[in-house]
Each structure stands twice: as C-alpha cells, then as structure tokens.
Protein backbone atom coordinates (compact mmCIF):
# COMPACT_ATOMS: atom_id res chain seq x y z
CA MET A 1 48.69 -43.28 152.40
CA HIS A 2 46.51 -43.85 149.35
CA ASP A 3 47.87 -46.11 146.65
CA HIS A 4 46.47 -46.78 143.19
CA ASP A 5 44.44 -49.80 144.35
CA THR A 6 42.77 -47.78 147.12
CA SER A 7 41.82 -45.01 144.70
CA GLU A 8 40.48 -47.52 142.19
CA ARG A 9 38.40 -49.19 144.89
CA LEU A 10 36.81 -45.90 146.00
CA ALA A 11 36.11 -44.78 142.43
CA SER A 12 34.64 -48.14 141.43
CA TYR A 13 32.43 -48.29 144.54
CA ALA A 14 31.15 -44.76 143.81
CA ASP A 15 30.35 -45.63 140.19
CA VAL A 16 28.30 -48.66 141.20
CA LEU A 17 26.56 -46.78 144.02
CA ALA A 18 25.63 -43.90 141.70
CA GLY A 19 24.07 -46.36 139.26
CA GLU A 20 21.96 -48.00 141.98
CA LEU A 21 20.54 -44.84 143.58
CA PRO A 22 17.09 -43.56 142.60
CA ASP A 23 16.99 -40.86 139.91
CA THR A 24 20.15 -40.16 137.90
CA TRP A 25 23.54 -39.76 139.59
CA THR A 26 27.04 -39.46 138.22
CA SER A 27 30.30 -39.83 140.15
CA THR A 28 33.62 -38.03 139.95
CA HIS A 29 36.78 -39.16 141.75
CA LEU A 30 39.03 -36.55 143.36
CA PRO A 31 42.57 -37.95 143.82
CA PRO A 32 45.07 -36.78 146.46
CA GLU A 33 46.58 -34.37 143.91
CA ALA A 34 43.34 -32.32 143.83
CA LYS A 35 44.19 -30.62 147.13
CA ASP A 36 42.27 -27.40 146.54
CA ASP A 37 39.11 -29.22 145.44
CA LEU A 38 39.33 -31.58 148.42
CA ALA A 39 39.76 -28.69 150.86
CA GLU A 40 36.75 -26.87 149.40
CA LEU A 41 34.73 -30.08 149.48
CA ALA A 42 35.59 -30.77 153.13
CA ASP A 43 34.38 -27.28 154.05
CA ARG A 44 30.96 -28.04 152.54
CA VAL A 45 30.38 -31.43 154.21
CA TRP A 46 26.95 -31.08 155.83
CA ASP A 47 27.56 -33.11 158.97
CA LEU A 48 28.12 -32.61 162.69
CA ASP A 49 28.42 -36.26 163.67
CA LEU A 50 30.21 -39.30 162.24
CA VAL A 51 31.77 -37.76 159.14
CA ALA A 52 32.73 -34.50 160.85
CA ALA A 53 34.49 -36.47 163.57
CA SER A 54 36.36 -38.52 160.97
CA LEU A 55 37.46 -35.43 159.05
CA ALA A 56 38.69 -33.80 162.25
CA GLU A 57 41.08 -36.72 162.77
CA HIS A 58 41.81 -37.58 159.13
CA PRO A 59 41.87 -34.68 156.63
CA LEU A 60 40.40 -35.54 153.26
CA LYS A 61 43.02 -37.16 151.02
CA GLN A 62 40.69 -38.45 148.31
CA ALA A 63 36.96 -38.58 147.73
CA ALA A 64 34.26 -39.36 145.19
CA VAL A 65 31.49 -36.86 144.57
CA LEU A 66 28.06 -38.12 143.49
CA ILE A 67 25.98 -35.49 141.66
CA ARG A 68 22.28 -35.42 140.78
CA PRO A 69 21.05 -33.15 137.93
CA ASP A 70 19.18 -30.84 140.34
CA GLY A 71 22.46 -29.96 142.06
CA ALA A 72 22.28 -32.35 145.03
CA GLN A 73 25.70 -33.78 145.92
CA LEU A 74 26.99 -36.56 148.13
CA VAL A 75 30.60 -37.28 149.05
CA LEU A 76 32.04 -40.77 149.53
CA LEU A 77 35.20 -41.01 151.60
CA ASP A 78 37.42 -43.56 153.29
CA ARG A 79 36.73 -45.04 156.70
CA HIS A 80 39.47 -45.01 159.30
CA ASP A 81 37.94 -47.29 161.94
CA GLY A 82 39.52 -50.54 160.74
CA ARG A 83 36.32 -51.72 159.05
CA ASP A 84 35.62 -52.31 155.38
CA GLY A 85 33.41 -49.90 153.47
CA PHE A 86 33.18 -46.14 153.31
CA LEU A 87 31.53 -43.07 154.81
CA ILE A 88 29.05 -40.99 152.88
CA ALA A 89 27.74 -37.52 153.63
CA ALA A 90 25.65 -34.76 152.08
CA ILE A 91 27.24 -31.65 150.58
CA ALA A 92 25.74 -28.25 151.38
CA PRO A 93 24.81 -26.14 148.31
CA ARG A 94 27.54 -23.64 147.48
CA ALA A 95 25.31 -20.79 146.30
CA LEU A 96 23.04 -20.38 149.32
CA PRO A 97 23.71 -17.81 152.08
CA ASP A 98 24.62 -19.08 155.54
CA GLU A 99 21.45 -17.56 157.03
CA ALA A 100 19.39 -20.03 155.00
CA TYR A 101 20.73 -22.86 157.19
CA ARG A 102 19.36 -21.41 160.43
CA ALA A 103 17.43 -24.03 162.45
CA VAL A 104 17.79 -26.69 159.72
CA PRO A 105 19.16 -29.95 161.20
CA GLU A 106 22.23 -31.33 159.45
CA PRO A 107 21.50 -34.45 157.37
CA ASN A 108 24.40 -36.25 159.03
CA GLY A 109 26.26 -38.90 157.06
CA ILE A 110 26.35 -42.65 157.57
CA ALA A 111 28.78 -45.55 157.37
CA LEU A 112 28.45 -48.02 154.49
CA ALA A 113 29.43 -51.66 154.28
CA ASP A 114 31.71 -52.95 151.52
CA ASP A 115 28.79 -53.73 149.19
CA PRO A 116 27.55 -50.84 147.04
CA PHE A 117 24.40 -52.69 146.00
CA LEU A 118 23.20 -53.11 149.57
CA SER A 119 24.46 -49.66 150.51
CA ALA A 120 22.33 -48.00 147.82
CA GLY A 121 19.18 -48.98 149.69
CA GLN A 122 20.60 -47.63 152.92
CA VAL A 123 21.51 -44.32 151.30
CA ALA A 124 18.14 -43.96 149.55
CA GLY A 125 16.05 -44.85 152.59
CA ASP A 126 18.04 -42.90 155.17
CA LEU A 127 20.55 -40.24 154.11
CA LEU A 128 18.81 -39.15 150.90
CA ALA A 129 15.45 -38.79 152.60
CA ARG A 130 16.94 -36.50 155.27
CA TYR A 131 19.10 -34.65 152.74
CA ASP A 132 16.20 -33.87 150.40
CA GLY A 133 14.15 -32.58 153.32
CA ALA A 134 17.00 -30.34 154.50
CA LEU A 135 17.65 -29.11 150.95
CA ALA A 136 14.02 -28.12 150.52
CA GLN A 137 14.07 -26.20 153.80
CA VAL A 138 17.28 -24.25 153.18
CA ARG A 139 16.21 -23.36 149.64
CA HIS A 140 12.90 -22.10 151.00
CA ASN A 141 14.75 -20.10 153.65
CA ALA A 142 17.13 -18.68 151.04
CA LEU A 143 14.25 -17.16 149.11
CA GLY A 144 13.34 -15.25 152.24
CA CYS A 145 16.88 -13.86 152.50
CA ILE A 146 16.67 -11.91 149.25
CA GLN A 147 14.28 -9.45 147.67
CA PRO A 148 12.56 -10.52 144.44
CA SER A 149 13.70 -9.33 141.04
CA GLN A 150 11.48 -8.27 138.14
CA PRO A 151 11.82 -8.96 134.39
CA ASP A 152 13.33 -5.51 133.83
CA ARG A 153 15.24 -5.21 137.09
CA VAL A 154 17.72 -7.41 138.97
CA VAL A 155 17.59 -6.84 142.71
CA LEU A 156 20.87 -7.63 144.47
CA THR A 157 20.60 -8.14 148.23
CA TRP A 158 23.56 -7.95 150.60
CA GLN A 159 23.79 -10.95 152.94
CA PRO A 160 25.06 -11.01 156.54
CA ASP A 161 28.19 -12.91 155.47
CA GLY A 162 29.17 -10.17 152.98
CA SER A 163 27.98 -12.00 149.88
CA VAL A 164 25.39 -10.69 147.41
CA ALA A 165 22.38 -12.77 146.39
CA THR A 166 19.70 -12.43 143.75
CA ALA A 167 17.09 -14.46 141.87
CA PRO A 168 16.96 -12.98 138.35
CA VAL A 169 13.77 -13.51 136.38
CA ASP A 170 15.40 -13.23 132.93
CA ASP A 171 17.67 -16.10 131.80
CA ARG A 172 19.84 -13.59 129.94
CA ALA A 173 20.47 -11.75 133.20
CA GLY A 174 21.33 -15.04 134.89
CA ALA A 175 23.91 -15.79 132.22
CA ILE A 176 25.58 -12.41 132.77
CA LEU A 177 25.69 -12.96 136.52
CA VAL A 178 27.31 -16.38 136.16
CA ALA A 179 29.84 -14.99 133.67
CA ASN A 180 30.84 -12.43 136.30
CA GLY A 181 31.41 -14.83 139.18
CA PHE A 182 27.98 -15.53 140.64
CA ALA A 183 27.32 -19.17 141.59
CA GLN A 184 23.82 -20.45 140.91
CA ASP A 185 21.81 -22.94 142.90
CA PRO A 186 20.13 -24.91 140.08
CA GLN A 187 16.91 -25.71 141.97
CA SER A 188 16.05 -22.40 143.64
CA GLY A 189 17.52 -20.20 140.89
CA ILE A 190 19.36 -18.09 143.46
CA HIS A 191 22.65 -16.56 142.32
CA ARG A 192 25.28 -15.68 144.91
CA LEU A 193 28.48 -13.64 144.65
CA SER A 194 30.95 -14.44 147.42
CA GLY A 195 32.37 -11.63 149.54
CA ASP A 196 35.58 -13.49 150.35
CA ASP A 197 37.51 -11.23 147.93
CA THR A 198 35.94 -7.78 148.28
CA GLN A 199 37.91 -6.27 145.40
CA ALA A 200 36.82 -9.01 143.02
CA GLN A 201 33.27 -8.67 144.29
CA ALA A 202 33.23 -4.90 143.71
CA ARG A 203 34.71 -5.34 140.23
CA ALA A 204 32.01 -7.87 139.32
CA LEU A 205 29.27 -5.56 140.59
CA ARG A 206 30.64 -2.69 138.51
CA GLU A 207 30.85 -4.80 135.36
CA ILE A 208 27.37 -6.35 135.44
CA GLY A 209 25.65 -2.95 135.44
CA PRO A 210 26.51 -1.94 131.85
CA GLN A 211 26.07 -5.51 130.60
CA LEU A 212 22.56 -5.75 132.03
CA ASP A 213 21.74 -2.20 130.91
CA ALA A 214 22.53 -3.23 127.34
CA LEU A 215 19.64 -5.72 127.65
CA GLY A 216 17.32 -3.09 129.08
CA ILE A 217 17.61 -4.58 132.58
CA GLY A 218 18.34 -2.32 135.53
CA VAL A 219 20.23 -3.16 138.72
CA VAL A 220 19.13 -2.26 142.25
CA MET A 221 21.07 -2.90 145.48
CA ARG A 222 19.17 -3.72 148.66
CA HIS A 223 20.69 -4.13 152.09
CA PRO A 224 19.61 -4.67 155.70
CA GLN A 225 21.96 -1.90 156.85
CA ALA A 226 24.16 0.79 155.36
CA ARG A 227 26.36 -0.63 152.59
CA PRO A 228 28.54 0.94 149.89
CA ALA A 229 26.79 1.95 146.68
CA LEU A 230 27.11 -0.13 143.55
CA GLY A 231 30.44 0.50 141.85
CA THR A 232 32.42 1.26 144.99
CA THR A 233 34.68 -1.06 146.91
CA PRO A 234 33.06 -2.13 150.18
CA PRO A 235 35.22 -2.15 153.29
CA ALA A 236 36.82 -5.48 154.08
CA PRO A 237 34.65 -7.40 156.57
CA ALA A 238 36.03 -8.79 159.79
CA PRO A 239 37.53 -12.27 159.40
CA THR A 240 34.84 -14.93 159.47
CA PRO A 241 34.97 -18.69 160.09
CA SER A 242 34.56 -21.16 157.28
CA HIS A 243 31.17 -21.38 155.62
CA ALA A 244 30.60 -24.80 157.19
CA ALA A 245 31.23 -23.46 160.71
CA ALA A 246 29.10 -20.42 160.01
CA ARG A 247 26.23 -22.63 158.84
CA HIS A 248 26.38 -24.67 162.03
CA ARG A 249 26.51 -21.58 164.28
CA ALA A 250 23.68 -19.91 162.36
CA ARG A 251 21.42 -22.27 164.20
C-alpha cells in the first residue's frame, strides 16, 4: 500500500535524479489513481530481467517518468526486495513498429541505492549508455520498415502488427497526421497509427486524405501483402499479445 510519504519520496528522488543526469530531463509522478497511465507504462517497460521480474510479482501502483527532450524516457519504480532505493528501467518508444525491435537486446533496468546523487552516475554510465544504443538501433530499423514519403506525397505503409507508419517530409502533413491520431517518434520523425481499434484507424485514414489534398499533398498506401484500400474498413486482425510481448518475441 502506498501512502503519501511513499509517493513523496519517489517523486522527490525522481526530481533530484533528473537534475543530476546528463542533458536535460524532467520528471512526472504517476500516483496510484492514474491506473490507465500506469498500465500503459508497464506495457512499454523495455526489460526482460530485474524490472520485468518485479512487475510480474508486483503490478505497478505508482511510478515516476523521466523524459528527455528527444523523446527518451525512463521509469522509476518501487523496490520490493526489502532494500532501500528504487528500480529504474528504459521505456520503449510508443510510435515505432514492433518489427523495429527485432534482434535488438533489451536495455534491461537496474537497481538504485537510496541516494539519487550517486545513482545518477550509475544510470548515466550503465543504463543510459545501453538505452541510447538500443534506441539508435530500433530507430534505424524502423526507417527500413516503411517506404519514404516525398514533399508532395505521404506514403503510408502497413505494418505486420496492423498499424500504419509513415515519415512525412512536410511539417504541415505531420501536423495533420498527429491531429488524426498518429503518434510521432520525435527523433526519427516516424508517425504511427495504431491498429488496435480498426474502425478508428479506418476513420482516421479516410479523414486525412481530403485534409492533405487541400495542401496539395497526395496519399499513397503501401503494403507487404493484400490490404484494404484507403477509405475502407480493414478486417479485424487476430488477437495479438501486448506490444511489449510482441517486441520481445520479434527477436
């Protein structure tokens, strides 16, 4: 059970840690009441070792998210081994397709002592170094999962998980995509529209066409196999595991 003092301790530790890490980081505390955000966060923890084992036994009840301007994210969470301190892990980018994670080792999290000043050096020299390397690799892989767009044409590529991905050249096109439900990876520029809700996905694809056309930008769909045409509702895909599990099995 998390009381006010426990939440304050986690939030304060995260604030100090964020200020001590290289580059610029900010921290946001997610309390137990933020159940949906915590569930989504747990699904994106990029770990198959210490932190994954802890989450399997102790579902996430609170957390602090550390965010860097380029989109990199770390999550700080409670330890449950009777020791002081916290666990910290990397967060997988939301906008990248699962195929981008193939053969990329997880930057597994680490345990931190109850001193955020000392822990900052441990995070910077260990976890962050592995995380940045993994981020660079998956973002490179993601570019190979989509076909390039042109200034006057946005190319949307179906992904194996049922999502749609694109890297628009024009910032105006990117703004339209985001307004219609695409999530953008800030470093690679890739925009991704989830296929979890196929009706919402089809509606978004129908709506972006006229909006982009008004800017003189066309839309083209590309796919590795037969897919419904733009403006039609694709058939519901077979149930899939969580994105985190799919990332792990993609390897």
